[in-house]
Amino acid sequence: NEMAEIEDLLLDWELPFEGQKKETYYNYHCQKCGYKEEVPAFIVDEMKAMDKLDNLGSPGMPILECPYCPGGMVYKGEKE
């Protein structure tokens, strides 16, 4: 698939500049359809902060919406 090849090239190109640390990603997968995605840590951290502000305060990692079905995406571990 041509789009997958382009995405792979872009991911390989996103190297940290000198003095920057490498971005951390969290592995998420959908409980309903099985879709998997690596979500940048800064996005997950922002969602956790918003949960605290909204007094939702769910312990652990936030559940994300799946872009392909009405299922919830759950945290499955950290990937650098």
Protein backbone atom coordinates (compact mmCIF):
# COMPACT_ATOMS: atom_id res chain seq x y z
CA ASN A 1 0.00 0.00 0.00
CA GLU A 2 1.49 3.29 -1.14
CA MET A 3 0.10 5.29 1.79
CA ALA A 4 1.65 2.88 4.33
CA GLU A 5 5.04 3.24 2.63
CA ILE A 6 4.78 7.04 2.81
CA GLU A 7 3.83 6.90 6.51
CA ASP A 8 6.82 4.62 7.20
CA LEU A 9 9.15 7.07 5.47
CA LEU A 10 7.75 9.99 7.47
CA LEU A 11 8.14 8.11 10.74
CA ASP A 12 11.76 7.28 9.89
CA TRP A 13 12.39 10.93 9.03
CA GLU A 14 11.11 12.28 12.38
CA LEU A 15 14.40 12.03 14.23
CA PRO A 16 15.06 14.34 17.17
CA PHE A 17 17.14 17.44 16.56
CA GLU A 18 20.33 17.87 18.55
CA GLY A 19 19.43 18.59 22.17
CA GLN A 20 15.88 17.22 21.87
CA LYS A 21 14.85 14.01 23.50
CA LYS A 22 13.19 11.29 21.49
CA GLU A 23 9.39 11.35 21.58
CA THR A 24 7.68 8.67 23.65
CA TYR A 25 4.61 6.87 22.33
CA TYR A 26 1.93 4.85 24.11
CA ASN A 27 0.56 1.71 22.48
CA TYR A 28 -3.23 1.68 22.37
CA HIS A 29 -5.62 -0.84 20.86
CA CYS A 30 -9.39 -0.92 20.35
CA GLN A 31 -11.27 -3.39 22.49
CA LYS A 32 -13.94 -3.82 19.80
CA CYS A 33 -12.25 -3.94 16.36
CA GLY A 34 -8.61 -4.51 17.38
CA TYR A 35 -7.23 -1.38 15.65
CA LYS A 36 -3.77 -0.49 17.02
CA GLU A 37 -2.13 2.93 17.18
CA GLU A 38 0.92 4.51 18.77
CA VAL A 39 -0.26 7.73 20.41
CA PRO A 40 2.31 10.44 21.28
CA ALA A 41 2.77 10.75 25.04
CA PHE A 42 2.07 14.49 25.05
CA ILE A 43 -1.48 13.85 23.72
CA VAL A 44 -2.22 11.21 26.36
CA ASP A 45 -0.73 13.42 29.09
CA GLU A 46 -2.96 16.34 28.00
CA MET A 47 -6.03 14.09 28.16
CA LYS A 48 -5.05 12.90 31.63
CA ALA A 49 -4.71 16.53 32.75
CA MET A 50 -8.15 17.40 31.29
CA ASP A 51 -9.68 14.40 33.12
CA LYS A 52 -8.37 15.81 36.41
CA LEU A 53 -9.72 19.28 35.59
CA ASP A 54 -13.13 17.81 34.77
CA ASN A 55 -13.09 15.90 38.07
CA LEU A 56 -13.34 12.60 36.22
CA GLY A 57 -10.12 11.51 37.87
CA SER A 58 -10.06 8.01 36.39
CA PRO A 59 -6.96 6.22 37.68
CA GLY A 60 -4.38 5.12 35.14
CA MET A 61 -4.47 5.91 31.46
CA PRO A 62 -7.39 7.53 29.62
CA ILE A 63 -9.56 5.51 27.25
CA LEU A 64 -9.44 6.97 23.73
CA GLU A 65 -12.08 6.88 20.98
CA CYS A 66 -11.37 4.48 18.13
CA PRO A 67 -11.28 6.28 14.75
CA TYR A 68 -12.77 3.22 12.98
CA CYS A 69 -15.59 1.99 15.23
CA PRO A 70 -17.53 3.03 18.34
CA GLY A 71 -15.17 1.02 20.56
CA GLY A 72 -12.78 2.35 23.20
CA MET A 73 -9.03 2.23 22.76
CA VAL A 74 -7.10 1.16 25.85
CA TYR A 75 -3.46 1.54 26.86
CA LYS A 76 -1.27 -1.49 26.17
CA GLY A 77 2.21 -0.28 27.11
CA GLU A 78 4.88 2.29 26.34
CA LYS A 79 6.98 2.38 23.17
CA GLU A 80 9.84 4.72 22.35
